[in-house]
């Protein structure tokens, strides 16, 4: 329904903005990529535009991010190099905020 799509758009924007704020706070050059209800953070300065770019994404950061999220009660698909989240109409702003808090803990842990 239109209300469901509006709910997903709000959650996606909320999550994207929260993650971008954490990234900026720590001075990382990572990129938040969203398309509708799906999204990820690419742990790479430049945008991924082709497969060779994807190969340069640091998988270690994706794996650590997955572990921090998992330990924080957010269950993501395994191997979090790019497959990080898919929102549903059953998610709430509190769910998105939990993901963002976990991401902030992750960013703090890898900050120089």
N, C-alpha and C. Protein backbone atom coordinates (compact mmCIF):
# COMPACT_ATOMS: atom_id res chain seq x y z
N UNK A 1 0.84 -1.19 0.00
CA UNK A 1 0.00 0.00 0.00
C UNK A 1 0.88 1.24 0.00
N UNK A 2 0.27 2.36 -0.28
CA UNK A 2 1.00 3.62 -0.26
C UNK A 2 1.58 3.90 1.13
N UNK A 3 0.83 3.57 2.17
CA UNK A 3 1.32 3.78 3.53
C UNK A 3 2.54 2.90 3.82
N UNK A 4 2.53 1.69 3.32
CA UNK A 4 3.67 0.78 3.53
C UNK A 4 4.92 1.33 2.85
N UNK A 5 4.79 1.81 1.63
CA UNK A 5 5.94 2.38 0.92
C UNK A 5 6.44 3.64 1.62
N UNK A 6 5.53 4.44 2.13
CA UNK A 6 5.93 5.65 2.87
C UNK A 6 6.69 5.27 4.14
N UNK A 7 6.22 4.23 4.83
CA UNK A 7 6.89 3.74 6.03
C UNK A 7 8.31 3.27 5.70
N UNK A 8 8.45 2.49 4.63
CA UNK A 8 9.78 2.02 4.21
C UNK A 8 10.69 3.18 3.83
N UNK A 9 10.15 4.16 3.14
CA UNK A 9 10.96 5.32 2.74
C UNK A 9 11.45 6.08 3.97
N UNK A 10 10.60 6.22 4.96
CA UNK A 10 10.99 6.91 6.20
C UNK A 10 12.09 6.12 6.92
N UNK A 11 11.92 4.82 7.03
CA UNK A 11 12.94 4.00 7.69
C UNK A 11 14.27 4.06 6.94
N UNK A 12 14.22 3.96 5.63
CA UNK A 12 15.43 3.99 4.82
C UNK A 12 16.16 5.32 4.97
N UNK A 13 15.42 6.41 4.92
CA UNK A 13 16.02 7.74 5.10
C UNK A 13 16.62 7.90 6.49
N UNK A 14 15.90 7.44 7.48
CA UNK A 14 16.37 7.54 8.87
C UNK A 14 17.68 6.77 9.04
N UNK A 15 17.73 5.55 8.50
CA UNK A 15 18.93 4.74 8.62
C UNK A 15 20.09 5.36 7.84
N UNK A 16 19.83 5.74 6.60
CA UNK A 16 20.88 6.36 5.77
C UNK A 16 21.46 7.60 6.44
N UNK A 17 20.59 8.48 6.94
CA UNK A 17 21.05 9.72 7.58
C UNK A 17 21.85 9.43 8.85
N UNK A 18 21.39 8.46 9.63
CA UNK A 18 22.10 8.10 10.87
C UNK A 18 23.49 7.56 10.57
N UNK A 19 23.58 6.67 9.59
CA UNK A 19 24.87 6.09 9.25
C UNK A 19 25.81 7.13 8.65
N UNK A 20 25.29 8.00 7.80
CA UNK A 20 26.12 9.06 7.24
C UNK A 20 26.65 9.99 8.33
N UNK A 21 25.85 10.24 9.36
CA UNK A 21 26.30 11.09 10.47
C UNK A 21 27.44 10.42 11.23
N UNK A 22 27.35 9.13 11.45
CA UNK A 22 28.43 8.39 12.14
C UNK A 22 29.70 8.41 11.29
N UNK A 23 29.56 8.17 10.02
CA UNK A 23 30.71 8.16 9.11
C UNK A 23 31.39 9.52 9.12
N UNK A 24 30.61 10.59 9.03
CA UNK A 24 31.17 11.95 9.04
C UNK A 24 31.85 12.25 10.38
N UNK A 25 31.23 11.83 11.46
CA UNK A 25 31.79 12.07 12.80
C UNK A 25 33.19 11.48 12.93
N UNK A 26 33.40 10.32 12.34
CA UNK A 26 34.69 9.63 12.45
C UNK A 26 35.64 9.94 11.29
N UNK A 27 35.15 10.68 10.31
CA UNK A 27 36.00 11.06 9.19
C UNK A 27 36.32 9.94 8.21
N UNK A 28 35.49 8.91 8.21
CA UNK A 28 35.70 7.81 7.27
C UNK A 28 35.26 8.24 5.88
N UNK A 29 35.78 7.59 4.88
CA UNK A 29 35.42 7.84 3.50
C UNK A 29 34.52 6.73 2.96
N UNK A 30 33.73 6.13 3.81
CA UNK A 30 32.82 5.06 3.41
C UNK A 30 31.59 5.66 2.75
N UNK A 31 30.85 4.82 2.04
CA UNK A 31 29.66 5.29 1.33
C UNK A 31 28.44 4.45 1.72
N UNK A 32 27.36 5.14 2.05
CA UNK A 32 26.08 4.48 2.30
C UNK A 32 25.34 4.43 0.97
N UNK A 33 24.92 3.24 0.58
CA UNK A 33 24.21 3.03 -0.68
C UNK A 33 22.85 2.44 -0.35
N UNK A 34 21.79 3.10 -0.81
CA UNK A 34 20.45 2.58 -0.58
C UNK A 34 19.66 2.58 -1.89
N UNK A 35 18.79 1.64 -1.98
CA UNK A 35 17.85 1.56 -3.09
C UNK A 35 16.56 1.00 -2.50
N UNK A 36 15.61 1.88 -2.30
CA UNK A 36 14.37 1.45 -1.66
C UNK A 36 14.65 0.96 -0.25
N UNK A 37 14.21 -0.25 0.04
CA UNK A 37 14.36 -0.80 1.39
C UNK A 37 15.68 -1.52 1.61
N UNK A 38 16.50 -1.62 0.59
CA UNK A 38 17.77 -2.34 0.66
C UNK A 38 18.92 -1.35 0.76
N UNK A 39 19.97 -1.74 1.47
CA UNK A 39 21.11 -0.85 1.57
C UNK A 39 22.34 -1.51 2.13
N UNK A 40 23.44 -0.76 2.03
CA UNK A 40 24.71 -1.23 2.56
C UNK A 40 25.65 -0.05 2.75
N UNK A 41 26.73 -0.31 3.44
CA UNK A 41 27.84 0.63 3.52
C UNK A 41 29.00 -0.03 2.79
N UNK A 42 29.57 0.68 1.83
CA UNK A 42 30.77 0.16 1.19
C UNK A 42 31.96 0.79 1.90
N UNK A 43 32.84 -0.06 2.37
CA UNK A 43 34.01 0.37 3.13
C UNK A 43 35.14 0.69 2.15
N UNK A 44 34.92 1.75 1.40
CA UNK A 44 35.84 2.14 0.33
C UNK A 44 35.64 3.62 0.04
N UNK A 45 36.71 4.34 -0.22
CA UNK A 45 36.63 5.78 -0.48
C UNK A 45 35.84 6.07 -1.77
N UNK A 46 36.19 5.39 -2.85
CA UNK A 46 35.55 5.65 -4.14
C UNK A 46 34.27 4.83 -4.28
N UNK A 47 33.38 5.31 -5.09
CA UNK A 47 32.14 4.57 -5.37
C UNK A 47 32.47 3.27 -6.11
N UNK A 48 31.70 2.26 -5.82
CA UNK A 48 31.82 1.01 -6.56
C UNK A 48 31.00 1.17 -7.84
N UNK A 49 31.69 1.07 -8.96
CA UNK A 49 31.01 1.23 -10.24
C UNK A 49 31.09 -0.01 -11.11
N UNK A 50 32.01 -0.92 -10.75
CA UNK A 50 32.14 -2.15 -11.53
C UNK A 50 32.71 -3.23 -10.62
N UNK A 51 32.76 -4.43 -11.17
CA UNK A 51 33.19 -5.58 -10.38
C UNK A 51 34.60 -5.40 -9.81
N UNK A 52 35.51 -4.84 -10.57
CA UNK A 52 36.88 -4.66 -10.07
C UNK A 52 36.90 -3.73 -8.85
N UNK A 53 36.04 -2.74 -8.83
CA UNK A 53 35.93 -1.85 -7.67
C UNK A 53 35.45 -2.65 -6.46
N UNK A 54 34.48 -3.51 -6.69
CA UNK A 54 33.92 -4.33 -5.61
C UNK A 54 35.01 -5.20 -4.97
N UNK A 55 35.93 -5.70 -5.77
CA UNK A 55 36.99 -6.55 -5.25
C UNK A 55 37.89 -5.80 -4.28
N UNK A 56 37.94 -4.48 -4.36
CA UNK A 56 38.78 -3.68 -3.49
C UNK A 56 38.11 -3.29 -2.17
N UNK A 57 36.85 -3.63 -2.00
CA UNK A 57 36.17 -3.35 -0.74
C UNK A 57 36.77 -4.25 0.34
N UNK A 58 37.11 -3.66 1.47
CA UNK A 58 37.76 -4.40 2.55
C UNK A 58 36.76 -5.34 3.23
N UNK A 59 36.85 -6.63 2.94
CA UNK A 59 35.93 -7.62 3.49
C UNK A 59 36.07 -7.75 5.00
N UNK A 60 37.25 -7.44 5.53
CA UNK A 60 37.44 -7.55 6.98
C UNK A 60 36.52 -6.59 7.73
N UNK A 61 36.35 -5.40 7.20
CA UNK A 61 35.45 -4.45 7.85
C UNK A 61 34.01 -4.94 7.77
N UNK A 62 33.62 -5.50 6.63
CA UNK A 62 32.27 -6.05 6.50
C UNK A 62 32.02 -7.18 7.49
N UNK A 63 33.01 -8.03 7.67
CA UNK A 63 32.85 -9.15 8.61
C UNK A 63 32.75 -8.65 10.05
N UNK A 64 33.57 -7.65 10.39
CA UNK A 64 33.50 -7.09 11.74
C UNK A 64 32.17 -6.38 11.96
N UNK A 65 31.72 -5.65 10.95
CA UNK A 65 30.43 -4.98 11.06
C UNK A 65 29.32 -6.01 11.29
N UNK A 66 29.37 -7.11 10.54
CA UNK A 66 28.37 -8.17 10.72
C UNK A 66 28.40 -8.67 12.17
N UNK A 67 29.60 -8.90 12.70
CA UNK A 67 29.72 -9.43 14.06
C UNK A 67 29.18 -8.45 15.10
N UNK A 68 29.51 -7.18 14.96
CA UNK A 68 29.01 -6.17 15.90
C UNK A 68 27.49 -6.10 15.83
N UNK A 69 26.93 -6.12 14.62
CA UNK A 69 25.47 -6.10 14.50
C UNK A 69 24.85 -7.35 15.13
N UNK A 70 25.43 -8.50 14.83
CA UNK A 70 24.90 -9.75 15.37
C UNK A 70 24.92 -9.74 16.90
N UNK A 71 26.06 -9.33 17.47
CA UNK A 71 26.16 -9.27 18.93
C UNK A 71 25.25 -8.21 19.53
N UNK A 72 24.84 -7.24 18.72
CA UNK A 72 23.93 -6.20 19.17
C UNK A 72 22.46 -6.49 18.88
N UNK A 73 22.16 -7.72 18.45
CA UNK A 73 20.77 -8.12 18.24
C UNK A 73 20.20 -7.83 16.87
N UNK A 74 21.05 -7.50 15.90
CA UNK A 74 20.60 -7.28 14.52
C UNK A 74 21.20 -8.39 13.67
N UNK A 75 20.35 -9.20 13.08
CA UNK A 75 20.81 -10.37 12.34
C UNK A 75 20.79 -10.08 10.84
N UNK A 76 22.00 -10.01 10.29
CA UNK A 76 22.20 -9.68 8.88
C UNK A 76 22.54 -10.95 8.09
N UNK A 77 22.45 -10.88 6.77
CA UNK A 77 22.90 -12.03 5.98
C UNK A 77 24.38 -12.27 6.24
N UNK A 78 24.82 -13.51 6.18
CA UNK A 78 26.25 -13.77 6.39
C UNK A 78 27.09 -13.12 5.30
N UNK A 79 28.37 -12.91 5.62
CA UNK A 79 29.33 -12.29 4.72
C UNK A 79 28.84 -10.91 4.32
N UNK A 80 29.03 -9.97 5.22
CA UNK A 80 28.50 -8.63 5.04
C UNK A 80 29.33 -7.69 4.22
N UNK A 81 30.00 -8.16 3.17
CA UNK A 81 30.77 -7.24 2.34
C UNK A 81 29.87 -6.17 1.73
N UNK A 82 28.71 -6.54 1.27
CA UNK A 82 27.76 -5.55 0.77
C UNK A 82 26.31 -5.88 1.12
N UNK A 83 25.98 -7.11 1.35
CA UNK A 83 24.59 -7.49 1.63
C UNK A 83 24.29 -7.22 3.10
N UNK A 84 23.95 -5.96 3.43
CA UNK A 84 23.86 -5.61 4.84
C UNK A 84 22.45 -5.50 5.39
N UNK A 85 21.51 -4.91 4.67
CA UNK A 85 20.18 -4.84 5.25
C UNK A 85 19.10 -4.81 4.18
N UNK A 86 17.95 -5.28 4.60
CA UNK A 86 16.73 -5.21 3.81
C UNK A 86 15.61 -4.93 4.79
N UNK A 87 15.06 -3.75 4.73
CA UNK A 87 14.00 -3.35 5.64
C UNK A 87 12.66 -3.94 5.20
N UNK A 88 11.78 -4.11 6.15
CA UNK A 88 10.43 -4.57 5.84
C UNK A 88 9.43 -3.67 6.54
N UNK A 89 8.17 -3.81 6.17
CA UNK A 89 7.13 -2.99 6.81
C UNK A 89 6.96 -3.35 8.28
N UNK A 90 7.50 -4.47 8.69
CA UNK A 90 7.41 -4.85 10.11
C UNK A 90 8.49 -4.20 10.96
N UNK A 91 9.51 -3.60 10.32
CA UNK A 91 10.53 -2.90 11.09
C UNK A 91 9.97 -1.57 11.59
N UNK A 92 10.56 -1.11 12.68
CA UNK A 92 10.12 0.13 13.31
C UNK A 92 11.30 1.11 13.38
N UNK A 93 11.03 2.36 13.70
CA UNK A 93 12.12 3.30 13.93
C UNK A 93 13.09 2.81 15.01
N UNK A 94 12.58 2.12 16.01
CA UNK A 94 13.46 1.58 17.07
C UNK A 94 14.42 0.54 16.50
N UNK A 95 13.96 -0.26 15.54
CA UNK A 95 14.84 -1.25 14.90
C UNK A 95 15.97 -0.56 14.13
N UNK A 96 15.60 0.48 13.39
CA UNK A 96 16.60 1.24 12.63
C UNK A 96 17.59 1.90 13.59
N UNK A 97 17.09 2.43 14.69
CA UNK A 97 17.97 3.09 15.66
C UNK A 97 18.93 2.09 16.30
N UNK A 98 18.49 0.86 16.52
CA UNK A 98 19.38 -0.17 17.06
C UNK A 98 20.52 -0.44 16.08
N UNK A 99 20.18 -0.57 14.80
CA UNK A 99 21.21 -0.79 13.78
C UNK A 99 22.21 0.37 13.80
N UNK A 100 21.70 1.59 13.87
CA UNK A 100 22.58 2.78 13.87
C UNK A 100 23.46 2.82 15.12
N UNK A 101 22.93 2.46 16.27
CA UNK A 101 23.75 2.42 17.50
C UNK A 101 24.85 1.38 17.37
N UNK A 102 24.51 0.22 16.86
CA UNK A 102 25.52 -0.82 16.66
C UNK A 102 26.59 -0.33 15.68
N UNK A 103 26.17 0.35 14.62
CA UNK A 103 27.11 0.86 13.63
C UNK A 103 28.04 1.89 14.27
N UNK A 104 27.51 2.71 15.15
CA UNK A 104 28.34 3.69 15.86
C UNK A 104 29.37 2.99 16.74
N UNK A 105 28.99 1.91 17.39
CA UNK A 105 29.95 1.13 18.19
C UNK A 105 31.04 0.54 17.29
N UNK A 106 30.63 0.03 16.16
CA UNK A 106 31.57 -0.52 15.18
C UNK A 106 32.55 0.56 14.72
N UNK A 107 32.02 1.73 14.35
CA UNK A 107 32.88 2.83 13.87
C UNK A 107 33.87 3.26 14.95
N UNK A 108 33.40 3.33 16.17
CA UNK A 108 34.29 3.70 17.28
C UNK A 108 35.41 2.66 17.43
N UNK A 109 35.07 1.41 17.27
CA UNK A 109 36.05 0.33 17.44
C UNK A 109 37.13 0.36 16.37
N UNK A 110 36.82 0.81 15.17
CA UNK A 110 37.81 0.80 14.09
C UNK A 110 38.43 2.18 13.84
N UNK A 111 38.03 3.18 14.65
CA UNK A 111 38.61 4.51 14.50
C UNK A 111 40.08 4.50 14.92
N UNK A 112 40.90 5.22 14.17
CA UNK A 112 42.33 5.27 14.55
C UNK A 112 42.56 6.02 15.85
